[in-house]
Amino acid sequence: IAVLGGGSWATAIVKMLSENLDEI
């Protein structure tokens, strides 16, 4: 899974994914 974007919502989504994934 990859996130595209550098704003606040993108940052929040990466944080959420970081709880479960080994690589984003």
PDB file of all heavy atoms in Angstrom:
ATOM      1  N   ILE A   1       0.853  -1.192   0.000  1.00  0.00           N
ATOM      2  CA  ILE A   1       0.000   0.000   0.000  1.00  0.00           C
ATOM      3  C   ILE A   1       0.886   1.238   0.000  1.00  0.00           C
ATOM      4  O   ILE A   1       1.879   1.308   0.732  1.00  0.00           O
ATOM      5  CB  ILE A   1      -0.941   0.008   1.223  1.00  0.00           C
ATOM      6  CG1 ILE A   1      -1.876  -1.212   1.186  1.00  0.00           C
ATOM      7  CG2 ILE A   1      -1.757   1.290   1.269  1.00  0.00           C
ATOM      8  CD1 ILE A   1      -2.815  -1.320   2.377  1.00  0.00           C
ATOM      9  N   ALA A   2       0.509   2.214  -0.807  1.00  0.00           N
ATOM     10  CA  ALA A   2       1.239   3.487  -0.852  1.00  0.00           C
ATOM     11  C   ALA A   2       0.259   4.643  -0.712  1.00  0.00           C
ATOM     12  O   ALA A   2      -0.890   4.564  -1.150  1.00  0.00           O
ATOM     13  CB  ALA A   2       2.022   3.620  -2.153  1.00  0.00           C
ATOM     14  N   VAL A   3       0.733   5.707  -0.110  1.00  0.00           N
ATOM     15  CA  VAL A   3      -0.044   6.938   0.054  1.00  0.00           C
ATOM     16  C   VAL A   3       0.595   8.015  -0.807  1.00  0.00           C
ATOM     17  O   VAL A   3       1.825   8.190  -0.804  1.00  0.00           O
ATOM     18  CB  VAL A   3      -0.079   7.381   1.533  1.00  0.00           C
ATOM     19  CG1 VAL A   3      -0.834   8.700   1.688  1.00  0.00           C
ATOM     20  CG2 VAL A   3      -0.710   6.293   2.393  1.00  0.00           C
ATOM     21  N   LEU A   4      -0.226   8.748  -1.530  1.00  0.00           N
ATOM     22  CA  LEU A   4       0.267   9.822  -2.382  1.00  0.00           C
ATOM     23  C   LEU A   4      -0.272  11.146  -1.878  1.00  0.00           C
ATOM     24  O   LEU A   4      -1.480  11.367  -1.860  1.00  0.00           O
ATOM     25  CB  LEU A   4      -0.146   9.582  -3.839  1.00  0.00           C
ATOM     26  CG  LEU A   4       0.451   8.303  -4.441  1.00  0.00           C
ATOM     27  CD1 LEU A   4      -0.537   7.136  -4.330  1.00  0.00           C
ATOM     28  CD2 LEU A   4       0.842   8.501  -5.885  1.00  0.00           C
ATOM     29  N   GLY A   5       0.640  12.009  -1.435  1.00  0.00           N
ATOM     30  CA  GLY A   5       0.263  13.299  -0.869  1.00  0.00           C
ATOM     31  C   GLY A   5       1.113  13.595   0.343  1.00  0.00           C
ATOM     32  O   GLY A   5       1.550  12.678   1.042  1.00  0.00           O
ATOM     33  N   GLY A   6       1.357  14.880   0.605  1.00  0.00           N
ATOM     34  CA  GLY A   6       2.215  15.252   1.728  1.00  0.00           C
ATOM     35  C   GLY A   6       1.543  16.119   2.773  1.00  0.00           C
ATOM     36  O   GLY A   6       2.212  16.633   3.662  1.00  0.00           O
ATOM     37  N   GLY A   7       0.210  16.266   2.675  1.00  0.00           N
ATOM     38  CA  GLY A   7      -0.517  17.130   3.590  1.00  0.00           C
ATOM     39  C   GLY A   7      -0.927  16.454   4.879  1.00  0.00           C
ATOM     40  O   GLY A   7      -0.482  15.338   5.196  1.00  0.00           O
ATOM     41  N   SER A   8      -1.818  17.102   5.610  1.00  0.00           N
ATOM     42  CA  SER A   8      -2.201  16.599   6.928  1.00  0.00           C
ATOM     43  C   SER A   8      -2.971  15.284   6.834  1.00  0.00           C
ATOM     44  O   SER A   8      -2.739  14.363   7.637  1.00  0.00           O
ATOM     45  CB  SER A   8      -3.035  17.649   7.680  1.00  0.00           C
ATOM     46  OG  SER A   8      -4.186  18.002   6.946  1.00  0.00           O
ATOM     47  N   TRP A   9      -3.876  15.158   5.867  1.00  0.00           N
ATOM     48  CA  TRP A   9      -4.661  13.932   5.768  1.00  0.00           C
ATOM     49  C   TRP A   9      -3.792  12.774   5.288  1.00  0.00           C
ATOM     50  O   TRP A   9      -3.908  11.653   5.783  1.00  0.00           O
ATOM     51  CB  TRP A   9      -5.854  14.157   4.854  1.00  0.00           C
ATOM     52  CG  TRP A   9      -6.902  13.093   4.858  1.00  0.00           C
ATOM     53  CD1 TRP A   9      -7.563  12.626   3.770  1.00  0.00           C
ATOM     54  CD2 TRP A   9      -7.436  12.358   5.979  1.00  0.00           C
ATOM     55  NE1 TRP A   9      -8.470  11.646   4.138  1.00  0.00           N
ATOM     56  CE2 TRP A   9      -8.410  11.463   5.481  1.00  0.00           C
ATOM     57  CE3 TRP A   9      -7.179  12.366   7.346  1.00  0.00           C
ATOM     58  CZ2 TRP A   9      -9.126  10.593   6.311  1.00  0.00           C
ATOM     59  CZ3 TRP A   9      -7.895  11.492   8.177  1.00  0.00           C
ATOM     60  CH2 TRP A   9      -8.839  10.625   7.658  1.00  0.00           C
ATOM     61  N   ALA A  10      -2.892  13.028   4.348  1.00  0.00           N
ATOM     62  CA  ALA A  10      -1.953  11.990   3.919  1.00  0.00           C
ATOM     63  C   ALA A  10      -1.096  11.532   5.093  1.00  0.00           C
ATOM     64  O   ALA A  10      -0.867  10.328   5.288  1.00  0.00           O
ATOM     65  CB  ALA A  10      -1.064  12.516   2.793  1.00  0.00           C
ATOM     66  N   THR A  11      -0.629  12.487   5.881  1.00  0.00           N
ATOM     67  CA  THR A  11       0.212  12.169   7.046  1.00  0.00           C
ATOM     68  C   THR A  11      -0.561  11.330   8.052  1.00  0.00           C
ATOM     69  O   THR A  11      -0.044  10.361   8.624  1.00  0.00           O
ATOM     70  CB  THR A  11       0.722  13.464   7.703  1.00  0.00           C
ATOM     71  OG1 THR A  11       1.403  14.247   6.715  1.00  0.00           O
ATOM     72  CG2 THR A  11       1.665  13.177   8.858  1.00  0.00           C
ATOM     73  N   ALA A  12      -1.832  11.679   8.272  1.00  0.00           N
ATOM     74  CA  ALA A  12      -2.670  10.914   9.203  1.00  0.00           C
ATOM     75  C   ALA A  12      -2.892   9.493   8.698  1.00  0.00           C
ATOM     76  O   ALA A  12      -2.871   8.531   9.489  1.00  0.00           O
ATOM     77  CB  ALA A  12      -4.009  11.629   9.398  1.00  0.00           C
ATOM     78  N   ILE A  13      -3.097   9.340   7.401  1.00  0.00           N
ATOM     79  CA  ILE A  13      -3.316   8.003   6.835  1.00  0.00           C
ATOM     80  C   ILE A  13      -2.064   7.144   6.974  1.00  0.00           C
ATOM     81  O   ILE A  13      -2.146   5.958   7.322  1.00  0.00           O
ATOM     82  CB  ILE A  13      -3.760   8.108   5.363  1.00  0.00           C
ATOM     83  CG1 ILE A  13      -5.174   8.705   5.289  1.00  0.00           C
ATOM     84  CG2 ILE A  13      -3.725   6.738   4.677  1.00  0.00           C
ATOM     85  CD1 ILE A  13      -5.623   9.054   3.895  1.00  0.00           C
ATOM     86  N   VAL A  14      -0.899   7.728   6.727  1.00  0.00           N
ATOM     87  CA  VAL A  14       0.351   6.977   6.908  1.00  0.00           C
ATOM     88  C   VAL A  14       0.504   6.557   8.368  1.00  0.00           C
ATOM     89  O   VAL A  14       0.924   5.431   8.658  1.00  0.00           O
ATOM     90  CB  VAL A  14       1.565   7.804   6.443  1.00  0.00           C
ATOM     91  CG1 VAL A  14       2.867   7.073   6.774  1.00  0.00           C
ATOM     92  CG2 VAL A  14       1.495   8.071   4.941  1.00  0.00           C
ATOM     93  N   LYS A  15       0.134   7.430   9.277  1.00  0.00           N
ATOM     94  CA  LYS A  15       0.189   7.076  10.704  1.00  0.00           C
ATOM     95  C   LYS A  15      -0.715   5.880  10.996  1.00  0.00           C
ATOM     96  O   LYS A  15      -0.310   4.935  11.691  1.00  0.00           O
ATOM     97  CB  LYS A  15      -0.217   8.260  11.575  1.00  0.00           C
ATOM     98  CG  LYS A  15      -0.343   7.908  13.070  1.00  0.00           C
ATOM     99  CD  LYS A  15      -0.708   9.102  13.921  1.00  0.00           C
ATOM    100  CE  LYS A  15      -1.123   8.692  15.337  1.00  0.00           C
ATOM    101  NZ  LYS A  15      -0.093   7.912  16.054  1.00  0.00           N
ATOM    102  N   MET A  16      -1.936   5.896  10.453  1.00  0.00           N
ATOM    103  CA  MET A  16      -2.869   4.783  10.674  1.00  0.00           C
ATOM    104  C   MET A  16      -2.304   3.485  10.108  1.00  0.00           C
ATOM    105  O   MET A  16      -2.344   2.435  10.761  1.00  0.00           O
ATOM    106  CB  MET A  16      -4.219   5.100  10.021  1.00  0.00           C
ATOM    107  CG  MET A  16      -5.028   6.187  10.695  1.00  0.00           C
ATOM    108  SD  MET A  16      -6.664   6.383   9.910  1.00  0.00           S
ATOM    109  CE  MET A  16      -6.475   7.967   9.099  1.00  0.00           C
ATOM    110  N   LEU A  17      -1.790   3.552   8.885  1.00  0.00           N
ATOM    111  CA  LEU A  17      -1.235   2.353   8.261  1.00  0.00           C
ATOM    112  C   LEU A  17      -0.023   1.828   9.019  1.00  0.00           C
ATOM    113  O   LEU A  17       0.216   0.613   9.070  1.00  0.00           O
ATOM    114  CB  LEU A  17      -0.840   2.658   6.811  1.00  0.00           C
ATOM    115  CG  LEU A  17      -1.973   2.992   5.834  1.00  0.00           C
ATOM    116  CD1 LEU A  17      -1.411   3.450   4.499  1.00  0.00           C
ATOM    117  CD2 LEU A  17      -2.899   1.789   5.640  1.00  0.00           C
ATOM    118  N   SER A  18       0.733   2.737   9.622  1.00  0.00           N
ATOM    119  CA  SER A  18       1.938   2.348  10.368  1.00  0.00           C
ATOM    120  C   SER A  18       1.623   1.469  11.567  1.00  0.00           C
ATOM    121  O   SER A  18       2.489   0.744  12.058  1.00  0.00           O
ATOM    122  CB  SER A  18       2.695   3.594  10.839  1.00  0.00           C
ATOM    123  OG  SER A  18       3.166   4.344   9.741  1.00  0.00           O
ATOM    124  N   GLU A  19       0.387   1.526  12.031  1.00  0.00           N
ATOM    125  CA  GLU A  19      -0.020   0.680  13.162  1.00  0.00           C
ATOM    126  C   GLU A  19      -0.068  -0.790  12.773  1.00  0.00           C
ATOM    127  O   GLU A  19       0.022  -1.671  13.632  1.00  0.00           O
ATOM    128  CB  GLU A  19      -1.400   1.115  13.675  1.00  0.00           C
ATOM    129  CG  GLU A  19      -1.498   2.552  14.140  1.00  0.00           C
ATOM    130  CD  GLU A  19      -0.857   2.781  15.503  1.00  0.00           C
ATOM    131  OE1 GLU A  19      -0.464   1.786  16.154  1.00  0.00           O
ATOM    132  OE2 GLU A  19      -0.755   3.960  15.910  1.00  0.00           O
ATOM    133  N   ASN A  20      -0.223  -1.067  11.451  1.00  0.00           N
ATOM    134  CA  ASN A  20      -0.459  -2.437  11.002  1.00  0.00           C
ATOM    135  C   ASN A  20       0.537  -2.973   9.988  1.00  0.00           C
ATOM    136  O   ASN A  20       0.738  -4.188   9.906  1.00  0.00           O
ATOM    137  CB  ASN A  20      -1.861  -2.533  10.380  1.00  0.00           C
ATOM    138  CG  ASN A  20      -2.962  -2.217  11.366  1.00  0.00           C
ATOM    139  OD1 ASN A  20      -3.011  -2.785  12.450  1.00  0.00           O
ATOM    140  ND2 ASN A  20      -3.839  -1.288  11.008  1.00  0.00           N
ATOM    141  N   LEU A  21       1.144  -2.094   9.198  1.00  0.00           N
ATOM    142  CA  LEU A  21       1.983  -2.556   8.091  1.00  0.00           C
ATOM    143  C   LEU A  21       3.470  -2.416   8.389  1.00  0.00           C
ATOM    144  O   LEU A  21       3.886  -1.519   9.116  1.00  0.00           O
ATOM    145  CB  LEU A  21       1.649  -1.762   6.818  1.00  0.00           C
ATOM    146  CG  LEU A  21       0.190  -1.734   6.366  1.00  0.00           C
ATOM    147  CD1 LEU A  21       0.062  -1.021   5.030  1.00  0.00           C
ATOM    148  CD2 LEU A  21      -0.403  -3.126   6.284  1.00  0.00           C
ATOM    149  N   ASP A  22       4.250  -3.299   7.786  1.00  0.00           N
ATOM    150  CA  ASP A  22       5.704  -3.255   7.942  1.00  0.00           C
ATOM    151  C   ASP A  22       6.348  -2.275   6.965  1.00  0.00           C
ATOM    152  O   ASP A  22       7.464  -1.818   7.198  1.00  0.00           O
ATOM    153  CB  ASP A  22       6.303  -4.656   7.731  1.00  0.00           C
ATOM    154  CG  ASP A  22       5.827  -5.634   8.789  1.00  0.00           C
ATOM    155  OD1 ASP A  22       5.638  -5.207   9.942  1.00  0.00           O
ATOM    156  OD2 ASP A  22       5.632  -6.814   8.450  1.00  0.00           O
ATOM    157  N   GLU A  23       5.634  -1.978   5.857  1.00  0.00           N
ATOM    158  CA  GLU A  23       6.180  -1.061   4.868  1.00  0.00           C
ATOM    159  C   GLU A  23       5.045  -0.278   4.208  1.00  0.00           C
ATOM    160  O   GLU A  23       4.026  -0.849   3.819  1.00  0.00           O
ATOM    161  CB  GLU A  23       6.977  -1.814   3.798  1.00  0.00           C
ATOM    162  CG  GLU A  23       7.614  -0.891   2.760  1.00  0.00           C
ATOM    163  CD  GLU A  23       8.414  -1.642   1.715  1.00  0.00           C
ATOM    164  OE1 GLU A  23       9.599  -1.890   1.971  1.00  0.00           O
ATOM    165  OE2 GLU A  23       7.843  -1.997   0.660  1.00  0.00           O
ATOM    166  N   ILE A  24       5.231   1.033   4.098  1.00  0.00           N
ATOM    167  CA  ILE A  24       4.266   1.908   3.431  1.00  0.00           C
ATOM    168  C   ILE A  24       5.011   2.780   2.437  1.00  0.00           C
ATOM    169  O   ILE A  24       5.979   3.443   2.803  1.00  0.00           O
ATOM    170  CB  ILE A  24       3.511   2.816   4.434  1.00  0.00           C
ATOM    171  CG1 ILE A  24       2.842   1.984   5.530  1.00  0.00           C
ATOM    172  CG2 ILE A  24       2.484   3.687   3.711  1.00  0.00           C
ATOM    173  CD1 ILE A  24       3.436   2.180   6.886  1.00  0.00           C
TER     174      ILE A  24
END
